Protein backbone atom coordinates (compact mmCIF):
# COMPACT_ATOMS: atom_id res chain seq x y z
CA MET A 1 2.98 -31.30 -0.10
CA ALA A 2 3.20 -27.41 0.96
CA SER A 3 6.49 -26.16 1.86
CA PRO A 4 7.16 -25.33 5.30
CA ALA A 5 7.04 -21.55 5.76
CA PRO A 6 10.56 -19.76 6.10
CA LYS A 7 11.43 -19.43 10.02
CA ALA A 8 12.06 -16.03 11.24
CA PRO A 9 15.35 -14.79 12.48
CA PRO A 10 16.60 -16.08 15.74
CA ARG A 11 17.37 -13.74 18.62
CA GLN A 12 20.80 -13.42 19.48
CA LYS A 13 23.05 -11.38 21.87
CA ILE A 14 25.36 -9.00 20.04
CA LEU A 15 27.49 -5.61 21.43
CA LEU A 16 25.63 -2.80 20.25
CA TRP A 17 26.23 1.24 19.64
CA TRP A 18 23.48 3.39 18.28
CA ARG A 19 23.05 7.23 18.50
CA LYS A 20 19.98 8.77 16.49
CA VAL A 21 21.28 11.40 13.59
CA THR A 22 19.51 14.65 12.24
CA PRO A 23 18.75 14.94 8.62
CA ARG A 24 21.84 17.10 7.94
CA MET A 25 24.23 14.57 9.91
CA LEU A 26 22.47 11.91 7.36
CA LYS A 27 23.09 14.54 4.16
CA SER A 28 26.72 15.17 5.44
CA ALA A 29 27.25 11.11 5.68
CA CYS A 30 25.70 10.39 2.37
CA GLN A 31 28.08 13.40 0.76
CA GLN A 32 30.78 12.11 2.62
CA MET A 33 30.28 8.59 0.94
CA SER A 34 29.58 9.96 -2.58
CA ARG A 35 33.18 11.47 -2.40
CA THR A 36 35.55 9.15 -0.65
CA GLY A 37 33.39 5.69 -0.69
CA GLN A 38 33.51 5.63 3.03
CA MET A 39 31.33 6.49 5.93
CA PRO A 40 32.63 9.55 8.09
CA GLY A 41 34.72 8.09 11.08
CA VAL A 42 34.79 9.37 14.50
CA ASN A 43 36.69 12.20 15.86
CA ALA A 44 40.38 11.13 16.72
CA ILE A 45 40.66 10.84 20.95
CA PRO A 46 44.44 12.23 22.40
CA LEU A 47 45.50 9.68 24.13
CA ASP A 48 45.78 10.97 27.68
CA GLU A 49 41.82 11.51 27.50
CA PRO A 50 40.71 7.97 27.61
CA THR A 51 42.74 7.86 30.74
CA ARG A 52 41.35 10.79 32.38
CA ALA A 53 37.89 9.88 31.72
CA LEU A 54 38.13 6.42 32.96
CA PHE A 55 39.72 7.34 36.52
CA GLU A 56 38.27 10.71 36.91
CA GLN A 57 35.95 10.27 40.12
CA SER A 58 32.06 9.75 39.69
CA ASN A 59 29.63 11.94 40.74
CA THR A 60 27.58 9.07 41.95
CA THR A 61 27.19 8.04 45.43
CA PRO A 62 29.29 4.87 45.87
CA PRO A 63 26.09 1.99 47.42
CA ALA A 64 25.99 1.15 50.56
CA SER A 65 27.32 -2.27 51.69
CA SER A 66 25.77 -5.22 51.16
CA ALA A 67 24.03 -7.47 53.40
CA GLY A 68 26.33 -9.72 54.20
CA GLY A 69 29.01 -6.64 55.48
CA HIS A 70 31.17 -6.64 52.40
CA THR A 71 31.91 -3.15 50.75
CA ALA A 72 31.84 -4.49 47.33
CA LEU A 73 29.99 -2.94 45.12
CA ALA A 74 26.88 -4.64 43.43
CA ARG A 75 26.81 -6.39 40.38
CA ARG A 76 24.29 -3.96 38.39
CA ASP A 77 26.21 -0.93 40.41
CA VAL A 78 29.54 -1.56 38.77
CA PHE A 79 27.72 -1.50 35.05
CA ASP A 80 25.98 1.31 36.51
CA LEU A 81 29.52 3.14 36.80
CA LEU A 82 30.99 1.60 33.44
CA ASP A 83 27.92 2.89 31.68
CA ILE A 84 29.09 6.74 32.85
CA LYS A 85 32.17 6.01 32.06
CA PHE A 86 31.73 5.29 28.45
CA ALA A 87 29.14 7.63 27.79
CA ARG A 88 32.11 10.32 28.97
CA LEU A 89 34.08 8.62 26.67
CA LEU A 90 31.09 9.14 23.54
CA ARG A 91 31.11 12.64 24.44
CA GLN A 92 34.29 12.96 23.71
CA ALA A 93 34.51 10.93 20.60
CA LEU A 94 30.79 12.65 19.58
CA PRO A 95 31.20 16.06 20.81
CA GLY A 96 27.84 17.60 20.31
CA THR A 97 25.71 14.72 20.63
CA LEU A 98 22.97 14.64 23.45
CA LEU A 99 23.25 11.45 25.87
CA GLY A 100 19.57 10.91 25.48
CA ASP A 101 19.89 10.42 21.61
CA THR A 102 22.99 7.55 22.55
CA THR A 103 23.44 4.11 23.89
CA VAL A 104 26.67 2.42 24.60
CA THR A 105 26.21 -1.38 25.72
CA PRO A 106 28.81 -2.73 27.90
CA MET A 107 27.08 -6.46 27.96
CA PRO A 108 25.76 -8.28 24.96
CA MET A 109 22.46 -7.03 23.71
CA VAL A 110 19.39 -9.35 22.88
CA ALA A 111 18.74 -8.35 18.93
CA ILE A 112 17.48 -9.92 15.78
CA LEU A 113 19.45 -9.42 12.48
CA SER A 114 18.47 -9.82 9.01
CA PRO A 115 19.42 -8.79 5.43
CA LEU A 116 16.73 -6.30 5.57
CA GLY A 117 17.37 -4.54 8.95
CA LEU A 118 17.44 -5.46 12.53
CA ALA A 119 15.36 -5.52 16.05
CA PHE A 120 16.93 -4.52 19.45
CA TRP A 121 15.64 -3.79 22.86
CA ASP A 122 16.78 -1.07 24.96
CA ARG A 123 15.52 1.27 27.59
CA ASP A 124 12.82 3.73 26.59
CA ALA A 125 15.02 6.72 24.44
CA GLY A 126 11.95 8.52 23.22
CA LEU A 127 12.24 6.76 19.85
CA LYS A 128 9.48 7.14 17.42
CA PRO A 129 8.58 5.70 13.41
CA GLY A 130 10.68 7.67 11.14
CA HIS A 131 13.73 8.54 13.24
CA VAL A 132 17.21 8.10 11.99
CA LEU A 133 19.78 5.90 13.61
CA GLU A 134 23.59 5.34 12.93
CA VAL A 135 24.13 1.98 14.34
CA GLN A 136 27.49 -0.07 15.05
CA TYR A 137 27.40 -3.87 15.97
CA TRP A 138 29.48 -6.70 16.29
CA PRO A 139 27.64 -9.64 15.25
CA PHE A 140 30.49 -12.54 16.39
CA PRO A 141 31.63 -12.34 19.49
CA ASP A 142 34.78 -13.93 18.15
CA ASN A 143 35.32 -12.09 15.70
CA PRO A 144 36.12 -8.40 16.12
CA MET A 145 34.25 -7.53 12.65
CA LYS A 146 32.04 -4.37 13.16
CA ILE A 147 29.12 -3.34 11.06
CA ARG A 148 28.28 0.41 10.92
CA ALA A 149 25.23 1.28 8.90
CA PHE A 150 22.17 3.45 8.88
CA ALA A 151 19.01 2.15 9.74
CA ARG A 152 15.43 3.93 10.03
CA VAL A 153 12.98 3.14 13.13
CA ILE A 154 9.53 1.65 11.70
CA ARG A 155 8.10 0.35 14.74
CA VAL A 156 8.62 1.00 18.48
CA HIS A 157 6.80 -1.65 20.40
CA PRO A 158 5.67 -1.13 24.31
CA PRO A 159 8.09 -1.88 27.53
CA ASN A 160 8.15 -5.23 28.50
CA GLU A 161 8.23 -6.91 31.87
CA ALA A 162 11.97 -5.59 31.76
CA ASP A 163 11.05 -2.22 31.15
CA ARG A 164 12.74 -2.71 27.75
CA VAL A 165 11.55 -1.66 24.55
CA ARG A 166 11.52 -3.22 21.05
CA VAL A 167 12.96 -1.52 18.33
CA ASP A 168 12.33 -2.53 14.62
CA CYS A 169 14.77 -0.87 12.25
CA ARG A 170 15.13 -1.08 8.23
CA PHE A 171 18.49 -0.60 7.03
CA GLU A 172 19.09 2.69 4.51
CA LYS A 173 20.08 2.51 1.43
CA LEU A 174 22.68 5.01 1.09
CA GLU A 175 22.85 4.97 -2.93
CA GLN A 176 19.22 6.26 -3.12
CA THR A 177 19.71 8.66 -0.03
CA ILE A 178 22.72 9.74 -2.03
CA GLN A 179 20.66 10.96 -4.88
CA LYS A 180 17.88 12.47 -3.05
CA HIS A 181 20.46 14.76 -1.04
CA GLU A 182 23.41 15.03 -3.03
CA LYS A 183 23.11 17.51 -5.72
CA PRO A 184 25.02 17.38 -9.03
CA VAL A 185 28.50 18.87 -8.69
CA ARG A 186 30.29 20.49 -11.39
CA ARG A 187 33.49 19.45 -11.77
CA SER A 188 35.78 21.76 -13.84
CA ALA A 189 37.75 19.98 -16.61
CA PRO A 190 41.62 20.73 -16.25
CA PRO A 191 43.22 22.78 -18.42
CA PRO A 192 44.34 21.34 -21.87
CA PRO A 193 48.20 20.18 -21.86
CA GLU A 194 50.35 22.97 -23.78
CA PRO A 195 50.90 21.89 -27.13
CA ILE A 196 54.65 21.03 -27.59
CA LYS A 197 56.33 23.05 -29.86
CA PRO A 198 58.54 21.56 -32.55
CA ALA A 199 62.10 22.27 -32.87
CA PRO A 200 63.11 24.89 -35.44
CA PRO A 201 64.40 23.16 -38.81
CA GLU A 202 68.22 23.33 -39.59
CA PRO A 203 68.93 25.78 -42.40
CA GLU A 204 69.71 24.10 -45.49
CA ILE A 205 73.23 24.00 -46.47
CA ILE A 206 73.03 24.94 -50.42
CA ASP A 207 76.51 24.20 -52.44
CA LEU A 208 76.08 26.81 -54.81
CA ASP A 209 79.28 25.51 -57.11
CA ALA A 210 77.06 21.89 -57.52
CA PRO A 211 75.09 21.44 -60.61
CA GLY A 212 71.54 21.78 -60.44
CA ILE A 213 69.92 18.27 -60.49
CA PRO A 214 65.88 18.03 -60.70
CA PRO A 215 64.01 15.65 -58.99
CA PRO A 216 62.77 12.64 -60.46
CA PRO A 217 59.28 12.63 -62.15
CA PRO A 218 56.99 10.78 -60.14
CA PRO A 219 55.76 7.19 -61.43
CA PRO A 220 52.84 7.10 -63.99
CA GLU A 221 49.50 6.06 -62.88
CA PRO A 222 48.38 2.48 -63.96
CA MET A 223 46.14 2.65 -67.23
CA VAL A 224 42.73 0.78 -65.71
CA LYS A 225 39.95 0.88 -68.34
CA ALA A 226 36.96 2.56 -66.76
CA ALA A 227 34.39 -0.73 -66.78
CA PHE A 228 36.83 -2.30 -64.61
CA GLN A 229 37.02 0.83 -61.78
CA PRO A 230 35.57 -0.26 -58.79
CA LYS A 231 32.99 2.22 -57.82
CA PRO A 232 33.93 3.77 -54.56
CA GLU A 233 31.99 2.88 -51.57
CA PRO A 234 30.18 5.55 -49.96
CA GLU A 235 31.30 6.58 -46.57
CA PRO A 236 28.53 5.63 -43.78
CA GLU A 237 27.57 8.75 -42.31
CA PRO A 238 27.79 8.97 -38.23
CA GLU A 239 25.05 8.18 -36.00
CA PRO A 240 23.69 11.08 -34.22
CA GLU A 241 24.29 11.04 -30.57
CA ALA A 242 21.75 9.76 -28.44
CA LYS A 243 19.71 12.22 -26.78
CA LYS A 244 18.51 12.31 -22.93
CA GLY A 245 15.28 10.58 -23.12
CA ASP A 246 14.98 9.60 -27.04
CA GLY A 247 15.12 6.09 -25.94
CA LYS A 248 18.63 5.03 -26.93
CA ASN A 249 20.34 5.27 -24.06
CA LYS A 250 21.94 2.15 -22.22
CA ARG A 251 18.99 1.90 -19.57
CA GLN A 252 16.34 1.25 -22.94
CA SER A 253 18.34 -1.62 -23.29
CA PHE A 254 17.08 -3.15 -20.38
CA ARG A 255 13.36 -2.27 -21.41
CA LEU A 256 11.32 -4.99 -22.54
CA ASN A 257 7.33 -5.27 -23.80
CA ASP A 258 6.16 -8.40 -22.81
CA ASP A 259 2.86 -10.79 -22.05
CA ILE A 260 3.37 -11.64 -18.27
CA PRO A 261 1.20 -12.87 -15.96
CA PHE A 262 0.47 -9.59 -13.82
CA THR A 263 -1.91 -8.33 -11.61
CA TRP A 264 -2.10 -4.87 -9.54
CA LYS A 265 -4.01 -3.94 -6.16
CA LEU A 266 -4.37 -0.12 -4.65
CA ILE A 267 -3.74 0.05 -0.95
CA SER A 268 -3.31 2.26 1.58
CA GLU A 269 0.05 3.56 3.50
CA HIS A 270 -1.02 1.70 6.69
CA ASP A 271 -1.40 -1.21 5.01
CA TYR A 272 2.30 -1.18 3.03
CA GLU A 273 3.38 -0.36 6.29
CA LEU A 274 1.99 -3.47 8.02
CA ALA A 275 3.37 -5.97 5.24
CA LEU A 276 6.92 -4.49 5.93
CA ASN A 277 6.51 -4.93 9.28
CA HIS A 278 5.23 -8.52 8.82
CA LEU A 279 7.98 -9.27 5.51
CA PHE A 280 10.51 -7.85 8.42
CA HIS A 281 9.67 -10.56 10.83
CA GLU A 282 8.53 -13.69 8.89
CA ASN A 283 10.03 -13.35 5.79
CA GLU A 284 7.27 -13.39 3.46
CA LEU A 285 4.52 -10.88 2.50
CA PRO A 286 1.05 -11.82 4.18
CA PRO A 287 -2.39 -11.93 2.52
CA ARG A 288 -4.28 -8.40 2.55
CA ALA A 289 -7.13 -8.33 4.41
CA MET A 290 -9.68 -8.20 1.55
CA GLU A 291 -8.05 -11.23 -0.06
CA ALA A 292 -8.38 -13.18 3.13
CA LYS A 293 -12.04 -12.43 3.69
CA PHE A 294 -12.80 -13.37 0.06
CA ASN A 295 -10.79 -16.78 0.52
CA ALA A 296 -12.49 -17.51 3.37
CA ALA A 297 -16.04 -16.96 1.29
CA LEU A 298 -15.03 -19.29 -1.09
CA GLN A 299 -14.32 -21.86 0.78
CA ARG A 300 -17.82 -22.06 2.04
CA LEU A 301 -18.93 -21.79 -1.24
CA ASP A 302 -17.06 -24.87 -2.29
CA ARG A 303 -18.29 -26.71 0.73
CA ASP A 304 -22.08 -26.04 -0.04
CA ILE A 305 -21.46 -26.87 -4.04
CA VAL A 306 -20.25 -30.02 -3.34
CA PHE A 307 -23.81 -30.83 -1.30
CA LEU A 308 -25.92 -29.47 -3.61
CA ARG A 309 -23.95 -31.39 -6.39
CA LYS A 310 -25.92 -34.56 -5.30
CA MET A 311 -29.02 -32.83 -4.86
CA ARG A 312 -29.71 -30.89 -8.09
CA SER A 313 -26.08 -30.79 -10.31
CA LYS A 314 -28.10 -28.22 -12.67
CA ALA A 315 -27.79 -25.57 -9.89
CA ALA A 316 -24.82 -26.61 -8.78
CA ASN A 317 -23.35 -25.97 -11.73
CA SER A 318 -24.88 -22.45 -12.13
CA ALA A 319 -23.45 -21.67 -8.89
CA ASN A 320 -19.84 -22.81 -9.54
CA TRP A 321 -20.14 -20.48 -13.07
CA LEU A 322 -21.11 -17.34 -10.99
CA LYS A 323 -18.19 -18.16 -8.50
CA GLU A 324 -15.73 -18.73 -11.00
CA GLN A 325 -16.80 -15.27 -12.71
CA LEU A 326 -16.58 -13.36 -9.48
CA GLN A 327 -13.26 -15.07 -8.57
CA LYS A 328 -12.03 -13.99 -11.96
CA GLN A 329 -13.32 -10.32 -11.56
CA PHE A 330 -11.74 -9.95 -8.12
CA LEU A 331 -8.65 -11.12 -9.17
CA GLY A 332 -8.48 -8.42 -11.88
CA ALA A 333 -9.81 -5.53 -9.55
CA GLY A 334 -7.46 -2.91 -8.95
CA MET A 335 -8.83 -0.29 -6.73
CA PRO A 336 -10.30 -0.95 -3.47
CA ALA A 337 -14.33 -0.47 -4.17
CA GLU A 338 -14.14 -2.68 -7.19
CA GLU A 339 -13.40 -5.78 -4.54
CA GLU A 340 -15.78 -4.92 -2.24
CA ILE A 341 -18.38 -5.27 -4.93
CA TYR A 342 -17.54 -8.67 -5.85
CA PHE A 343 -16.72 -10.11 -2.49
CA PHE A 344 -20.30 -8.79 -1.54
CA LEU A 345 -21.93 -10.76 -4.56
CA LEU A 346 -19.91 -13.42 -3.55
CA VAL A 347 -21.14 -13.61 0.01
CA ARG A 348 -24.78 -13.10 -1.61
CA VAL A 349 -24.37 -16.50 -3.96
CA ALA A 350 -22.44 -18.33 -0.97
CA ASN A 351 -25.92 -17.30 1.09
CA VAL A 352 -28.23 -18.60 -1.75
CA VAL A 353 -26.56 -21.96 -2.28
CA GLU A 354 -26.59 -22.41 2.12
CA GLU A 355 -30.23 -21.98 1.49
CA LEU A 356 -30.64 -24.26 -1.24
CA VAL A 357 -28.88 -27.14 0.68
CA GLU A 358 -31.63 -26.96 3.73
CA LEU A 359 -34.50 -27.77 1.10
CA ARG A 360 -35.44 -31.14 0.88
CA PRO A 361 -35.83 -31.30 -2.31
CA ILE A 362 -34.99 -28.54 -3.85
CA PRO A 363 -37.61 -26.81 -5.74
CA PRO A 364 -37.40 -27.02 -9.96
CA LYS A 365 -38.16 -22.92 -9.87
CA ALA A 366 -34.90 -22.44 -7.65
CA VAL A 367 -33.18 -24.50 -10.00
CA GLN A 368 -34.46 -22.11 -12.85
CA LEU A 369 -34.02 -19.09 -10.84
CA MET A 370 -30.46 -20.22 -10.47
CA ASP A 371 -29.85 -20.43 -14.20
CA HIS A 372 -31.72 -16.93 -14.55
CA MET A 373 -28.95 -15.54 -12.47
CA LYS A 374 -26.23 -16.95 -14.76
CA SER A 375 -28.01 -15.34 -17.66
CA LYS A 376 -28.28 -12.19 -16.32
CA PHE A 377 -24.90 -11.64 -15.51
CA GLN A 378 -23.95 -12.74 -19.17
CA TYR A 379 -26.47 -10.28 -20.58
CA ILE A 380 -25.23 -7.07 -18.17
CA ARG A 381 -21.68 -7.84 -20.02
CA GLN A 382 -23.26 -7.93 -23.16
CA ARG A 383 -24.93 -4.92 -22.87
CA ASP A 384 -21.67 -3.22 -21.66
CA GLU A 385 -19.43 -4.55 -24.05
CA SER A 386 -21.77 -4.05 -27.14
CA GLU A 387 -21.68 0.23 -25.37
CA LEU A 388 -17.88 0.46 -25.42
CA ALA A 389 -17.58 -1.12 -29.10
CA ASN A 390 -20.93 1.47 -30.42
CA ASP A 391 -22.83 -1.80 -31.33
CA GLY A 392 -26.13 0.12 -31.46
CA GLN A 393 -28.23 -3.32 -32.53
CA ARG A 394 -26.38 -5.41 -30.35
CA LEU A 395 -26.86 -2.99 -27.46
CA GLN A 396 -30.86 -2.98 -27.83
CA LYS A 397 -30.89 -6.46 -28.12
CA SER A 398 -29.11 -7.04 -24.45
CA LEU A 399 -31.37 -4.56 -23.35
CA GLU A 400 -34.73 -6.46 -24.02
CA ALA A 401 -33.30 -9.58 -23.00
CA LEU A 402 -32.40 -8.01 -19.53
CA SER A 403 -36.15 -7.04 -19.22
CA ASN A 404 -37.75 -9.60 -20.19
CA LEU A 405 -35.44 -12.10 -17.96
CA GLU A 406 -36.31 -9.54 -15.24
CA ARG A 407 -39.71 -10.07 -15.55
CA GLN A 408 -39.34 -13.81 -15.20
CA ILE A 409 -37.18 -13.70 -11.87
CA THR A 410 -39.99 -11.36 -10.70
CA LYS A 411 -42.71 -13.76 -11.49
CA LYS A 412 -40.64 -17.01 -10.94
CA GLY A 413 -39.46 -15.52 -7.05
CA LEU A 414 -42.61 -14.80 -5.65
CA ASP A 415 -44.10 -18.49 -6.68
CA LEU A 416 -41.28 -19.68 -4.58
CA GLU A 417 -41.82 -17.25 -1.88
CA ASP A 418 -44.68 -19.64 -1.33
CA ARG A 419 -43.35 -22.47 -0.81
CA ALA A 420 -39.77 -21.70 0.40
CA PRO A 421 -39.97 -18.02 1.80
CA GLU A 422 -36.42 -17.48 2.65
CA ALA A 423 -34.79 -19.34 -0.70
CA GLY A 424 -37.27 -16.88 -2.80
CA LYS A 425 -36.41 -14.10 -0.78
CA ARG A 426 -32.55 -14.77 -1.37
CA LEU A 427 -32.58 -15.64 -4.71
CA ARG A 428 -34.86 -12.19 -5.31
CA GLN A 429 -32.37 -10.05 -3.15
CA LEU A 430 -29.40 -11.80 -5.63
CA SER A 431 -30.95 -10.76 -8.55
CA ASP A 432 -30.76 -6.92 -7.27
CA LYS A 433 -27.38 -6.70 -6.46
CA LEU A 434 -26.46 -8.52 -9.93
CA SER A 435 -27.87 -5.17 -11.22
CA ILE A 436 -24.75 -3.05 -9.97
CA LEU A 437 -22.07 -4.92 -11.94
CA GLU A 438 -20.50 -3.00 -14.74
CA PHE A 439 -17.67 -4.18 -17.01
CA LYS A 440 -16.64 -0.75 -18.78
CA SER A 441 -13.66 -0.06 -16.45
CA ILE A 442 -12.18 -3.85 -17.01
CA ASP A 443 -8.65 -4.20 -18.69
CA PRO A 444 -9.01 -7.00 -21.09
CA PRO A 445 -6.45 -9.57 -20.97
CA SER A 446 -3.61 -9.28 -24.17
CA LYS A 447 -3.95 -13.05 -24.53
CA PRO A 448 -6.80 -15.43 -23.51
CA VAL A 449 -5.34 -17.78 -21.59
CA LYS A 450 -3.98 -17.59 -17.80
CA GLY A 451 -1.00 -17.63 -16.17
CA PRO A 452 0.15 -19.49 -13.08
CA GLU A 453 -2.76 -19.20 -10.22
CA GLY A 454 -4.84 -18.00 -12.35
CA LEU A 455 -3.17 -14.73 -12.96
CA PRO A 456 -4.27 -13.11 -16.26
CA ILE A 457 -1.73 -11.76 -18.97
CA TYR A 458 -1.00 -8.22 -19.59
CA THR A 459 1.44 -6.68 -21.85
CA ILE A 460 3.81 -4.69 -19.57
CA ASN A 461 6.96 -2.66 -19.97
CA ILE A 462 9.12 -4.08 -17.73
CA SER A 463 12.71 -2.72 -16.79
CA ALA A 464 14.93 -3.42 -13.51
CA THR A 465 13.79 -0.19 -11.62
CA GLY A 466 9.81 -0.24 -12.48
CA LEU A 467 6.99 -0.99 -15.22
CA ALA A 468 4.43 0.77 -17.05
CA PHE A 469 0.74 -0.80 -18.20
CA ARG A 470 -2.28 0.26 -19.25
CA THR A 471 -5.43 0.75 -17.74
CA PHE A 472 -9.21 1.46 -17.88
CA LYS A 473 -9.60 2.03 -14.26
CA GLN A 474 -9.37 5.80 -13.19
CA GLY A 475 -8.75 7.00 -9.77
CA LEU A 476 -4.77 6.68 -9.62
CA GLN A 477 -2.52 9.31 -9.13
CA ASN A 478 1.06 10.28 -8.15
CA GLY A 479 2.48 8.85 -4.97
CA ASP A 480 -0.39 5.83 -4.83
CA ILE A 481 1.41 2.79 -3.42
CA LEU A 482 0.22 -0.75 -5.49
CA SER A 483 0.54 -4.51 -4.14
CA ILE A 484 2.18 -6.38 -7.47
CA ARG A 485 1.95 -9.78 -8.60
CA MET A 486 4.04 -10.78 -11.87
CA GLY A 487 5.21 -14.03 -13.44
CA LEU A 488 8.71 -13.94 -14.44
CA GLY A 489 10.45 -16.80 -16.33
CA LEU A 490 10.24 -18.84 -19.36
CA SER A 491 7.10 -20.33 -20.52
CA ASP A 492 8.29 -23.51 -18.85
CA ASP A 493 9.70 -22.16 -15.50
CA VAL A 494 7.42 -18.97 -14.71
CA GLN A 495 7.43 -17.74 -10.52
CA ILE A 496 5.19 -15.61 -9.24
CA GLU A 497 6.62 -12.45 -7.65
CA GLU A 498 5.73 -10.10 -5.00
CA CYS A 499 6.61 -6.63 -4.93
CA PHE A 500 5.70 -3.07 -4.21
CA GLY A 501 5.16 -0.07 -6.71
CA LYS A 502 4.89 3.53 -6.46
CA VAL A 503 2.92 5.50 -9.07
CA VAL A 504 5.28 8.13 -10.65
CA MET A 505 3.36 9.02 -13.74
CA THR A 506 -0.06 8.56 -14.82
CA LYS A 507 -0.97 10.03 -18.55
CA GLY A 508 -4.88 9.65 -19.84
CA PRO A 509 -7.24 9.08 -21.11
CA GLU A 510 -6.37 8.68 -24.46
CA GLU A 511 -8.83 7.83 -27.62
CA ASP A 512 -9.98 4.28 -26.15
CA GLY A 513 -10.23 5.93 -22.83
CA SER A 514 -7.28 3.93 -21.39
CA PHE A 515 -4.62 5.43 -18.98
CA ARG A 516 -0.67 4.40 -19.06
CA ILE A 517 0.99 3.89 -15.73
CA ALA A 518 4.10 4.10 -14.79
CA CYS A 519 5.36 2.82 -11.19
CA GLN A 520 8.92 2.74 -9.53
CA VAL A 521 9.63 -0.85 -7.85
CA ILE A 522 10.29 0.23 -4.08
CA ASP A 523 12.03 -2.12 -1.08
CA GLN A 524 13.37 -3.96 -4.05
CA SER A 525 15.68 -7.11 -2.76
CA ASP A 526 18.75 -7.86 -5.23
CA GLU A 527 16.96 -11.34 -5.84
CA LEU A 528 13.94 -10.03 -7.27
CA ARG A 529 16.13 -7.23 -9.65
CA ASP A 530 18.25 -9.87 -10.55
CA ARG A 531 15.44 -12.08 -11.61
CA ILE A 532 14.29 -9.34 -13.60
CA HIS A 533 17.45 -8.49 -15.41
CA TYR A 534 17.51 -12.65 -15.78
CA HIS A 535 13.69 -12.64 -17.47
CA ILE A 536 14.18 -9.54 -19.50
CA THR A 537 17.73 -11.12 -21.11
CA GLN A 538 16.42 -14.45 -21.68
CA ARG A 539 13.37 -12.66 -23.11
CA GLN A 540 15.52 -10.58 -25.85
CA ARG A 541 17.06 -13.70 -26.49
CA GLU A 542 13.90 -15.58 -27.17
CA ILE A 543 12.59 -12.64 -29.42
CA LEU A 544 15.75 -12.57 -31.50
CA SER A 545 15.84 -16.35 -32.26
CA GLU A 546 11.90 -16.55 -32.94
CA GLN A 547 12.70 -13.23 -35.71
CA TRP A 548 15.74 -15.05 -37.32
CA ARG A 549 13.76 -18.35 -37.93
CA LYS A 550 11.01 -16.20 -39.03
CA ASN A 551 13.32 -14.72 -41.62
CA ASN A 552 14.79 -18.13 -42.85
CA MET A 553 11.39 -19.12 -43.40
CA GLU A 554 10.64 -16.68 -45.49
């Protein structure tokens, strides 16, 4: 039974204050945070200034009397006057801040709070995605605890009926911002303490009349036979100090080369922002658009294969085999162009099966053509593998087999068109489209077995902050965003984790034509970082135990 989807964070009313900050103000706050460990506070206000600001006459015109004849201010007018007085207090607390960039809510504001950020509704203040806000809010009405943070605007919604815009923000990680903005400060070493001069020795009093007494001779060394003298053990040579980048630092101890279920997909910046926005509202990553279309085509093909199996089991087996191969290649495809090819071929197979189900009965030549499609797929793979291995004899056999198969498909397809024109036409079109397949850039798994959800197994260098892998696919560049799925945990308890990575290094091609890719995990949660740490420590323990058992067996 499928587990229910996590609920979105509820809306609640909180007291909220925010202001837009400039990059210089954010940098200054980060520098103070790194020096003192605390965020900068607001300026102190003299005691007489709040009193003067609160009781100062307003420049606004008092509202007219109400319909009932009373001169009492309307409820909304009272709040407007409170806004003006709060704004005056704000100008004293934060001099030099524009009123348009700052807001104080005298009443609770509707907001959505989550561990990654918050969303609030306010008047349109000209905020745009990318602006950085300083936020202070009181999440609990009955608790005076105040939370203060910096947040970056990721989306601004259109105004609603109450002329309020919704602003979605993601909290800034000050640790990363400090490393980005702050330059290393060279601290001068404290002066060495002055050495303590020993007191001069007291002059020795020599009695000239006393007789000279020579000092006693030293005790004789014990006579030990040379045969029983132990050899002095050589002193261990001091290990050279670890240099930066030689792999002997503390961070290197939390790296591990491991065979894990792993796939990656190159996505655009737009898809990355959409995924983050969906994660903020739903607490889960959405399926990509291409994955959704491919899964829909799979469901359609599975439904038709069930009906085809009742009529011609051999044709159904060939169609199911093609479906599994295309699904496997789509799962391991990392570039968008590869995914489009496999999706296009899957749709062609679904169209052929749909047409065969409509035939009553299915002609034998249609069943033979479906088997030829399976053979053509296999010969194309054998051709590319022989070319990569420089096996000329096997390559020549594959080319000859493909040529003979093409002639049979053309002849039988034309014969089938006389009886079932649409089915013969679609089968010949499928054969033409299978010719675009090529297996030269496919990454071979490190193990033939599959992981959870059918993920292939690859050798990955994994750490708490990033990972590195090898691929035969060309086109990755520094700065590209990857959607990553990997399995973490021991063999009996592997869980699939989804995250995003940013390519920071590309090396290659090497002698075998592969590229080495290193990427940094971005927007990483504390839970995922803990999972990676736990996985690395457990795998290191397993590896050491296996080595110990192997040494003892020998």
